[in-house]
C-alpha cells in the first residue's frame, strides 16, 4: 500500500491510496459527498487482490486540500482526476468507479477529457448530473430531509442532521457498527463549507452520457433513500453501452450492505473489458 499525492486543478493537492498489483488494471475509486478514500472499507481490499486500486480523496475531503474554490466547476473536478491518472502514468485501460457524488465527478472527467484513458465506468448508487430540474439528478427523501442541517457549523445540529440518513449507507438488517461509524465520522470530518459547496452547482451531463463509447455498469439499490434508483436507470437508458444491476430492497452503500456481491459484480464487469 502506498499513500501518494498529485497536483490537481488550481494547484490543489489531491491525496490518494494505491493498493494491489502494479500490473493490475487500474480501478479508480471516487467516493461520495462528505466521504473519503477510507469509506470503501473491506471491499477495496478485496478488489486489490486482483486490480490496481486507486482510492482518491476528492478535493476538500480526507487529506486532500480544500482550495475553497472549484466545487462548482466540472473542469476542476475533472482536472483532479486527470492529475491522479497522470501521476500514476495511466494513459489507457482505467476503470472509473464513482459512488454517489463520485458518479458526478467521474462524468465530469469523461465530459472534459473523454475516454482515451478509460476502458469502462461504474456508477454505484450514483447520479451523473446534479441540480434542480436536471434529468436523472433528483435527490432522495433522506437527502432532502438532511439539508440544510448537514451544512451547519454547529456540531450538535450537524450530527442530528446526519442521523437522518439512518442505515442508508450500510443497509437494513444487522447493525454494521464499525463500517457505519467510519462513514459517519468521515462525513463529520469534512468541513461544513465543503459539504455545502458541493450542492450549489448545476451540471447536466446527459450529452456526455449519450456520447460514451465505453461500457457502463450501474449498481443501484431499489430502496436507495439518498440517490433514487431512477437516477441510475436514467444512466442506463442514456449511455449507449450500459447495463443496470438493481438490488432489490438495497439502499445506498452497496459495498458495505453486501460486500461480496459488490466485489463479484464489479470484478465481472472489469474482467469482461477489452
Protein backbone atom coordinates (compact mmCIF):
# COMPACT_ATOMS: atom_id res chain seq x y z
CA UNK A 1 0.00 0.00 0.00
CA UNK A 2 1.21 3.49 -0.84
CA UNK A 3 -0.20 6.91 0.01
CA UNK A 4 0.63 9.38 -2.74
CA UNK A 5 -0.45 12.79 -3.94
CA UNK A 6 -0.87 14.68 -7.18
CA UNK A 7 -1.26 18.35 -8.04
CA UNK A 8 -4.78 18.79 -9.33
CA UNK A 9 -6.64 21.74 -10.79
CA UNK A 10 -5.63 25.17 -9.46
CA UNK A 11 -2.64 23.59 -7.70
CA UNK A 12 -4.87 21.60 -5.35
CA UNK A 13 -3.07 18.72 -3.62
CA UNK A 14 -5.04 15.52 -4.15
CA UNK A 15 -4.17 12.59 -1.88
CA UNK A 16 -4.83 9.01 -2.93
CA UNK A 17 -4.01 5.46 -1.85
CA UNK A 18 -2.75 2.72 -4.16
CA UNK A 19 -3.14 -0.96 -3.28
CA UNK A 20 -2.90 -4.17 -5.27
CA UNK A 21 -0.55 -5.30 -8.03
CA UNK A 22 1.13 -2.54 -10.05
CA UNK A 23 0.47 -4.59 -13.19
CA UNK A 24 -3.26 -4.94 -12.46
CA UNK A 25 -5.89 -2.97 -14.32
CA UNK A 26 -6.30 0.46 -12.69
CA UNK A 27 -9.57 0.79 -10.78
CA UNK A 28 -10.10 4.38 -9.62
CA UNK A 29 -12.47 4.72 -6.65
CA UNK A 30 -14.23 8.08 -6.33
CA UNK A 31 -16.12 8.40 -3.06
CA UNK A 32 -19.32 10.28 -2.40
CA UNK A 33 -20.26 13.60 -0.83
CA UNK A 34 -18.68 14.07 2.62
CA UNK A 35 -16.72 10.81 2.29
CA UNK A 36 -13.07 9.91 1.90
CA UNK A 37 -10.83 7.18 0.50
CA UNK A 38 -11.42 5.01 3.58
CA UNK A 39 -15.16 4.76 3.00
CA UNK A 40 -14.81 1.66 0.80
CA UNK A 41 -13.69 -0.50 3.73
CA UNK A 42 -13.01 -4.17 3.05
CA UNK A 43 -14.42 -4.03 -0.48
CA UNK A 44 -11.37 -2.06 -1.62
CA UNK A 45 -9.10 -4.66 -0.03
CA UNK A 46 -10.93 -7.45 -1.82
CA UNK A 47 -10.67 -5.69 -5.19
CA UNK A 48 -6.96 -5.04 -4.60
CA UNK A 49 -6.33 -8.77 -4.67
CA UNK A 50 -6.55 -8.52 -8.45
CA UNK A 51 -6.65 -4.88 -9.51
CA UNK A 52 -4.53 -1.78 -9.02
CA UNK A 53 -6.96 0.04 -6.77
CA UNK A 54 -6.53 3.82 -6.61
CA UNK A 55 -8.78 5.30 -3.92
CA UNK A 56 -8.93 9.09 -4.14
CA UNK A 57 -9.69 11.75 -1.53
CA UNK A 58 -11.71 14.27 -3.53
CA UNK A 59 -10.83 17.95 -3.10
CA UNK A 60 -11.88 19.21 0.32
CA UNK A 61 -12.25 15.67 1.65
CA UNK A 62 -9.96 13.43 3.68
CA UNK A 63 -6.35 14.56 3.37
CA UNK A 64 -6.74 16.41 0.09
CA UNK A 65 -6.54 20.20 0.06
CA UNK A 66 -9.58 22.41 0.43
CA UNK A 67 -8.85 25.21 -2.05
CA UNK A 68 -12.10 26.96 -1.22
CA UNK A 69 -12.94 27.10 -4.92
CA UNK A 70 -13.67 24.83 -7.87
CA UNK A 71 -16.54 22.96 -6.29
CA UNK A 72 -18.95 24.34 -8.87
CA UNK A 73 -16.57 23.79 -11.80
CA UNK A 74 -16.72 20.46 -13.66
CA UNK A 75 -13.30 21.14 -15.17
CA UNK A 76 -11.78 21.41 -11.68
CA UNK A 77 -13.18 18.02 -10.65
CA UNK A 78 -12.05 16.58 -13.98
CA UNK A 79 -8.59 18.06 -13.59
CA UNK A 80 -8.17 16.46 -10.17
CA UNK A 81 -8.92 13.00 -11.55
CA UNK A 82 -6.71 13.60 -14.57
CA UNK A 83 -3.85 14.61 -12.27
CA UNK A 84 -4.08 11.31 -10.38
CA UNK A 85 -4.09 9.31 -13.61
CA UNK A 86 -1.09 11.27 -14.88
CA UNK A 87 0.80 10.84 -11.61
CA UNK A 88 0.32 7.09 -11.91
CA UNK A 89 1.35 7.04 -15.56
CA UNK A 90 -2.07 5.76 -16.67
CA UNK A 91 -2.82 6.54 -20.31
CA UNK A 92 -5.30 3.78 -21.09
CA UNK A 93 -7.35 0.95 -19.63
CA UNK A 94 -8.55 2.55 -16.39
CA UNK A 95 -11.96 1.93 -14.85
CA UNK A 96 -13.67 4.77 -13.00
CA UNK A 97 -15.95 3.70 -10.14
CA UNK A 98 -18.00 6.51 -8.64
CA UNK A 99 -20.17 6.13 -5.56
CA UNK A 100 -22.92 8.70 -5.05
CA UNK A 101 -21.39 12.16 -5.77
CA UNK A 102 -18.37 10.32 -7.16
CA UNK A 103 -20.51 9.44 -10.16
CA UNK A 104 -20.86 13.13 -10.98
CA UNK A 105 -17.09 13.59 -10.64
CA UNK A 106 -16.42 10.61 -12.91
CA UNK A 107 -18.77 12.06 -15.53
CA UNK A 108 -17.17 15.49 -15.20
CA UNK A 109 -13.87 13.80 -16.08
CA UNK A 110 -15.38 11.99 -19.07
CA UNK A 111 -17.01 15.23 -20.28
CA UNK A 112 -13.70 17.10 -20.13
CA UNK A 113 -11.10 14.50 -21.11
CA UNK A 114 -13.07 11.85 -22.99
CA UNK A 115 -12.45 8.12 -22.76
CA UNK A 116 -8.88 7.82 -24.06
CA UNK A 117 -7.53 6.69 -20.69
CA UNK A 118 -10.70 4.90 -19.61
CA UNK A 119 -11.96 1.44 -20.57
CA UNK A 120 -15.16 1.44 -18.52
CA UNK A 121 -17.21 3.28 -15.92
CA UNK A 122 -19.18 2.05 -12.93
CA UNK A 123 -21.87 4.05 -11.14
CA UNK A 124 -22.74 2.81 -7.64
CA UNK A 125 -25.79 4.48 -6.13
CA UNK A 126 -24.75 7.46 -8.21
CA UNK A 127 -26.18 10.15 -10.46
CA UNK A 128 -24.23 11.54 -13.39
CA UNK A 129 -25.59 15.07 -13.02
CA UNK A 130 -26.71 17.49 -10.32
CA UNK A 131 -29.00 20.48 -9.95
CA UNK A 132 -32.66 21.48 -9.74
CA UNK A 133 -34.80 20.16 -12.59
CA UNK A 134 -31.82 18.39 -14.20
CA UNK A 135 -32.90 14.98 -15.56
CA UNK A 136 -31.56 12.00 -13.63
CA UNK A 137 -30.47 14.16 -10.71
CA UNK A 138 -33.36 14.16 -8.23
CA UNK A 139 -32.28 13.91 -4.57
CA UNK A 140 -33.82 11.23 -2.39
CA UNK A 141 -36.01 11.86 0.65
CA UNK A 142 -33.17 11.31 3.14
CA UNK A 143 -31.02 13.89 1.38
CA UNK A 144 -33.87 16.39 1.18
CA UNK A 145 -34.60 15.94 4.89
CA UNK A 146 -30.93 16.30 5.87
CA UNK A 147 -30.46 19.63 4.06
CA UNK A 148 -29.63 22.28 5.24
CA UNK A 149 -28.75 20.82 8.66
CA UNK A 150 -25.78 18.86 7.30
CA UNK A 151 -24.21 22.17 6.26
CA UNK A 152 -24.43 23.62 9.77
CA UNK A 153 -21.25 24.64 11.58
CA UNK A 154 -22.85 23.81 14.94
CA UNK A 155 -21.76 20.27 15.76
CA UNK A 156 -24.98 19.27 17.52
CA UNK A 157 -27.20 20.35 14.65
CA UNK A 158 -24.93 18.72 12.08
CA UNK A 159 -24.87 15.41 13.99
CA UNK A 160 -28.65 15.38 14.21
CA UNK A 161 -28.97 16.15 10.51
CA UNK A 162 -26.60 13.35 9.51
CA UNK A 163 -28.58 10.97 11.71
CA UNK A 164 -31.47 11.39 9.26
CA UNK A 165 -29.63 9.03 6.91
CA UNK A 166 -30.05 6.23 9.43
CA UNK A 167 -28.79 2.96 7.95
CA UNK A 168 -28.87 4.23 4.35
CA UNK A 169 -25.11 3.85 3.89
CA UNK A 170 -24.89 0.38 5.42
CA UNK A 171 -28.25 -1.18 4.57
CA UNK A 172 -31.05 -2.75 6.57
CA UNK A 173 -30.55 -5.64 8.93
CA UNK A 174 -27.82 -6.20 11.48
CA UNK A 175 -26.03 -3.03 12.61
CA UNK A 176 -22.70 -2.80 10.78
CA UNK A 177 -21.19 -0.75 13.60
CA UNK A 178 -17.53 -0.17 12.58
CA UNK A 179 -18.47 0.49 8.96
CA UNK A 180 -21.27 2.84 9.97
CA UNK A 181 -19.03 4.78 12.35
CA UNK A 182 -16.26 5.09 9.75
CA UNK A 183 -18.69 6.57 7.24
CA UNK A 184 -20.38 8.80 9.82
CA UNK A 185 -17.04 10.02 11.15
CA UNK A 186 -15.76 10.81 7.68
CA UNK A 187 -18.84 12.88 6.99
CA UNK A 188 -18.40 14.94 10.14
CA UNK A 189 -14.69 15.38 9.41
CA UNK A 190 -15.49 17.02 6.06
CA UNK A 191 -15.57 20.82 6.54
CA UNK A 192 -19.13 22.20 6.62
CA UNK A 193 -18.23 24.72 3.93
CA UNK A 194 -17.19 21.88 1.61
CA UNK A 195 -20.34 19.88 2.34
CA UNK A 196 -22.37 22.92 1.31
CA UNK A 197 -20.32 23.92 -1.73
CA UNK A 198 -20.80 20.57 -3.46
CA UNK A 199 -24.55 21.05 -3.64
CA UNK A 200 -24.57 24.54 -5.04
CA UNK A 201 -23.77 23.66 -8.59
CA UNK A 202 -25.79 22.61 -11.63
CA UNK A 203 -24.45 20.36 -14.39
CA UNK A 204 -26.40 18.30 -16.89
CA UNK A 205 -24.14 15.55 -18.22
CA UNK A 206 -26.80 13.95 -20.42
CA UNK A 207 -24.95 14.66 -23.67
CA UNK A 208 -21.75 13.20 -22.23
CA UNK A 209 -23.60 10.01 -21.32
CA UNK A 210 -25.11 9.82 -24.82
CA UNK A 211 -21.68 10.10 -26.40
CA UNK A 212 -19.86 7.49 -24.30
CA UNK A 213 -18.05 4.83 -26.31
CA UNK A 214 -17.16 2.64 -23.32
CA UNK A 215 -19.15 0.04 -21.38
CA UNK A 216 -21.01 1.32 -18.32
CA UNK A 217 -22.27 -0.62 -15.32
CA UNK A 218 -24.86 0.81 -12.93
CA UNK A 219 -25.28 -0.74 -9.48
CA UNK A 220 -28.23 0.71 -7.59
CA UNK A 221 -30.43 -0.25 -4.66
CA UNK A 222 -34.14 -0.08 -5.37
CA UNK A 223 -34.77 1.45 -1.93
CA UNK A 224 -31.94 3.99 -2.01
CA UNK A 225 -33.22 6.99 0.04
CA UNK A 226 -30.25 9.23 -0.84
CA UNK A 227 -29.96 8.84 -4.63
CA UNK A 228 -33.21 7.41 -6.03
CA UNK A 229 -32.92 4.37 -8.28
CA UNK A 230 -34.47 6.32 -11.15
CA UNK A 231 -31.19 8.27 -11.38
CA UNK A 232 -29.37 5.02 -12.03
CA UNK A 233 -31.98 3.97 -14.56
CA UNK A 234 -31.51 7.29 -16.34
CA UNK A 235 -27.82 6.50 -16.88
CA UNK A 236 -28.66 3.03 -18.22
CA UNK A 237 -31.28 4.46 -20.58
CA UNK A 238 -28.96 7.21 -21.85
CA UNK A 239 -25.49 5.70 -22.26
CA UNK A 240 -25.24 3.56 -25.43
CA UNK A 241 -23.48 0.55 -23.85
CA UNK A 242 -24.85 0.44 -20.32
CA UNK A 243 -26.48 -2.19 -18.18
CA UNK A 244 -28.03 -1.96 -14.76
CA UNK A 245 -27.94 -4.25 -11.76
CA UNK A 246 -30.78 -3.20 -9.49
CA UNK A 247 -30.52 -4.62 -5.99
CA UNK A 248 -33.99 -5.33 -4.70
CA UNK A 249 -34.57 -3.72 -1.30
CA UNK A 250 -30.98 -2.42 -1.03
CA UNK A 251 -30.10 1.13 -0.06
CA UNK A 252 -27.13 3.45 -0.68
CA UNK A 253 -23.81 1.91 0.40
CA UNK A 254 -23.87 -1.32 -1.59
CA UNK A 255 -20.18 -2.09 -0.94
CA UNK A 256 -21.00 -2.27 2.77
CA UNK A 257 -24.50 -3.71 2.54
CA UNK A 258 -23.37 -6.73 0.50
CA UNK A 259 -19.60 -6.58 0.10
CA UNK A 260 -19.31 -9.97 -1.60
CA UNK A 261 -21.93 -9.19 -4.23
CA UNK A 262 -20.43 -5.77 -4.88
CA UNK A 263 -16.95 -7.21 -5.42
CA UNK A 264 -18.30 -10.00 -7.61
CA UNK A 265 -20.28 -7.70 -9.90
CA UNK A 266 -17.51 -5.12 -10.21
CA UNK A 267 -14.99 -7.87 -10.95
CA UNK A 268 -17.17 -9.50 -13.59
CA UNK A 269 -17.57 -6.15 -15.36
CA UNK A 270 -13.86 -5.29 -15.21
CA UNK A 271 -12.80 -8.74 -16.38
CA UNK A 272 -15.06 -8.51 -19.43
CA UNK A 273 -13.45 -5.30 -20.67
CA UNK A 274 -11.07 -5.41 -23.62
